[in-house]
Amino acid sequence: MWNTLFGILLIIHGLVFIMFLVYVKLPEEEEGYFGWSRKSWLLDRFLGEKIVKIVGIVLWVTIIVGFVISGIVILAKHVARMA
């Protein structure tokens, strides 16, 4: 039971990261934004804006895929053990 719950939570957690790829202005605040601004406090000084966006998106997608695949593997192992 705990393995199933943990697997589902990992998948949901990974899918929640998709929300942060979108940079949206919050309606109730003048300067409030939600998501990734496509800027990096560390890499902007060394790399161009286009490279920072590419690196950020690649890392973000890697994180999303990692969480989702981890959850699927945990669920698959749990189902295989039950059979």
C-alpha atoms as a PDB file:
ATOM      1  CA  MET A   1       0.000   0.000   0.000  1.00  0.00           C
ATOM      2  CA  TRP A   2       2.756   2.483   0.929  1.00  0.00           C
ATOM      3  CA  ASN A   3       4.656   1.652  -2.246  1.00  0.00           C
ATOM      4  CA  THR A   4       1.588   2.433  -4.341  1.00  0.00           C
ATOM      5  CA  LEU A   5       1.009   5.719  -2.544  1.00  0.00           C
ATOM      6  CA  PHE A   6       4.673   6.702  -2.833  1.00  0.00           C
ATOM      7  CA  GLY A   7       4.737   5.865  -6.552  1.00  0.00           C
ATOM      8  CA  ILE A   8       1.620   7.922  -7.219  1.00  0.00           C
ATOM      9  CA  LEU A   9       2.985  10.854  -5.204  1.00  0.00           C
ATOM     10  CA  LEU A  10       6.245  10.770  -7.171  1.00  0.00           C
ATOM     11  CA  ILE A  11       4.343  10.890 -10.453  1.00  0.00           C
ATOM     12  CA  ILE A  12       2.143  13.762  -9.254  1.00  0.00           C
ATOM     13  CA  HIS A  13       5.172  15.630  -7.924  1.00  0.00           C
ATOM     14  CA  GLY A  14       6.903  15.293 -11.281  1.00  0.00           C
ATOM     15  CA  LEU A  15       3.850  16.517 -13.155  1.00  0.00           C
ATOM     16  CA  VAL A  16       3.517  19.541 -10.855  1.00  0.00           C
ATOM     17  CA  PHE A  17       6.936  20.684 -12.111  1.00  0.00           C
ATOM     18  CA  ILE A  18       5.320  21.285 -15.509  1.00  0.00           C
ATOM     19  CA  MET A  19       3.485  24.264 -13.990  1.00  0.00           C
ATOM     20  CA  PHE A  20       6.763  26.052 -13.301  1.00  0.00           C
ATOM     21  CA  LEU A  21       7.832  25.936 -16.962  1.00  0.00           C
ATOM     22  CA  VAL A  22       5.113  28.487 -17.686  1.00  0.00           C
ATOM     23  CA  TYR A  23       5.804  32.084 -16.638  1.00  0.00           C
ATOM     24  CA  VAL A  24       2.432  33.636 -15.804  1.00  0.00           C
ATOM     25  CA  LYS A  25       1.535  37.007 -14.312  1.00  0.00           C
ATOM     26  CA  LEU A  26      -0.636  36.635 -11.239  1.00  0.00           C
ATOM     27  CA  PRO A  27      -3.811  38.714 -11.613  1.00  0.00           C
ATOM     28  CA  GLU A  28      -4.076  39.928  -8.013  1.00  0.00           C
ATOM     29  CA  GLU A  29      -0.561  41.420  -7.790  1.00  0.00           C
ATOM     30  CA  GLU A  30       1.047  44.130  -9.895  1.00  0.00           C
ATOM     31  CA  GLU A  31       4.539  42.621  -9.948  1.00  0.00           C
ATOM     32  CA  GLY A  32       3.749  39.040  -8.970  1.00  0.00           C
ATOM     33  CA  TYR A  33       4.761  36.282 -11.344  1.00  0.00           C
ATOM     34  CA  PHE A  34       4.521  32.514 -11.117  1.00  0.00           C
ATOM     35  CA  GLY A  35       6.986  30.116 -12.729  1.00  0.00           C
ATOM     36  CA  TRP A  36      10.448  30.315 -14.209  1.00  0.00           C
ATOM     37  CA  SER A  37      11.407  33.713 -15.658  1.00  0.00           C
ATOM     38  CA  ARG A  38      13.967  32.148 -18.054  1.00  0.00           C
ATOM     39  CA  LYS A  39      16.737  33.956 -16.178  1.00  0.00           C
ATOM     40  CA  SER A  40      19.462  32.604 -13.916  1.00  0.00           C
ATOM     41  CA  TRP A  41      21.193  34.560 -11.185  1.00  0.00           C
ATOM     42  CA  LEU A  42      24.286  32.413 -11.706  1.00  0.00           C
ATOM     43  CA  LEU A  43      24.513  31.601 -15.412  1.00  0.00           C
ATOM     44  CA  ASP A  44      23.389  34.941 -16.899  1.00  0.00           C
ATOM     45  CA  ARG A  45      26.802  36.456 -16.152  1.00  0.00           C
ATOM     46  CA  PHE A  46      28.681  33.765 -18.095  1.00  0.00           C
ATOM     47  CA  LEU A  47      26.348  32.482 -20.801  1.00  0.00           C
ATOM     48  CA  GLY A  48      24.024  34.059 -23.296  1.00  0.00           C
ATOM     49  CA  GLU A  49      20.282  34.297 -22.727  1.00  0.00           C
ATOM     50  CA  LYS A  50      19.514  31.618 -25.324  1.00  0.00           C
ATOM     51  CA  ILE A  51      21.946  29.095 -23.752  1.00  0.00           C
ATOM     52  CA  VAL A  52      20.524  29.722 -20.268  1.00  0.00           C
ATOM     53  CA  LYS A  53      17.021  28.973 -21.563  1.00  0.00           C
ATOM     54  CA  ILE A  54      18.172  25.759 -23.252  1.00  0.00           C
ATOM     55  CA  VAL A  55      20.094  24.541 -20.193  1.00  0.00           C
ATOM     56  CA  GLY A  56      17.191  25.383 -17.893  1.00  0.00           C
ATOM     57  CA  ILE A  57      14.597  23.626 -20.024  1.00  0.00           C
ATOM     58  CA  VAL A  58      16.788  20.528 -20.426  1.00  0.00           C
ATOM     59  CA  LEU A  59      17.299  20.329 -16.655  1.00  0.00           C
ATOM     60  CA  TRP A  60      13.597  20.915 -15.991  1.00  0.00           C
ATOM     61  CA  VAL A  61      12.493  18.205 -18.419  1.00  0.00           C
ATOM     62  CA  THR A  62      15.087  15.823 -16.944  1.00  0.00           C
ATOM     63  CA  ILE A  63      13.648  16.389 -13.470  1.00  0.00           C
ATOM     64  CA  ILE A  64      10.084  15.844 -14.668  1.00  0.00           C
ATOM     65  CA  VAL A  65      10.973  12.647 -16.531  1.00  0.00           C
ATOM     66  CA  GLY A  66      13.014  11.395 -13.565  1.00  0.00           C
ATOM     67  CA  PHE A  67      10.177  11.786 -11.091  1.00  0.00           C
ATOM     68  CA  VAL A  68       7.583  10.253 -13.409  1.00  0.00           C
ATOM     69  CA  ILE A  69       9.768   7.280 -14.372  1.00  0.00           C
ATOM     70  CA  SER A  70      10.705   6.682 -10.723  1.00  0.00           C
ATOM     71  CA  GLY A  71       7.041   6.589  -9.760  1.00  0.00           C
ATOM     72  CA  ILE A  72       6.209   4.223 -12.619  1.00  0.00           C
ATOM     73  CA  VAL A  73       9.069   1.873 -11.674  1.00  0.00           C
ATOM     74  CA  ILE A  74       7.952   1.778  -8.037  1.00  0.00           C
ATOM     75  CA  LEU A  75       4.376   1.054  -9.097  1.00  0.00           C
ATOM     76  CA  ALA A  76       5.496  -1.626 -11.561  1.00  0.00           C
ATOM     77  CA  LYS A  77       7.649  -3.382  -8.959  1.00  0.00           C
ATOM     78  CA  HIS A  78       4.787  -3.286  -6.471  1.00  0.00           C
ATOM     79  CA  VAL A  79       2.330  -4.729  -9.000  1.00  0.00           C
ATOM     80  CA  ALA A  80       4.836  -7.420 -10.028  1.00  0.00           C
ATOM     81  CA  ARG A  81       5.358  -8.406  -6.391  1.00  0.00           C
ATOM     82  CA  MET A  82       1.617  -8.719  -5.826  1.00  0.00           C
ATOM     83  CA  ALA A  83       1.110 -11.003  -8.855  1.00  0.00           C
END
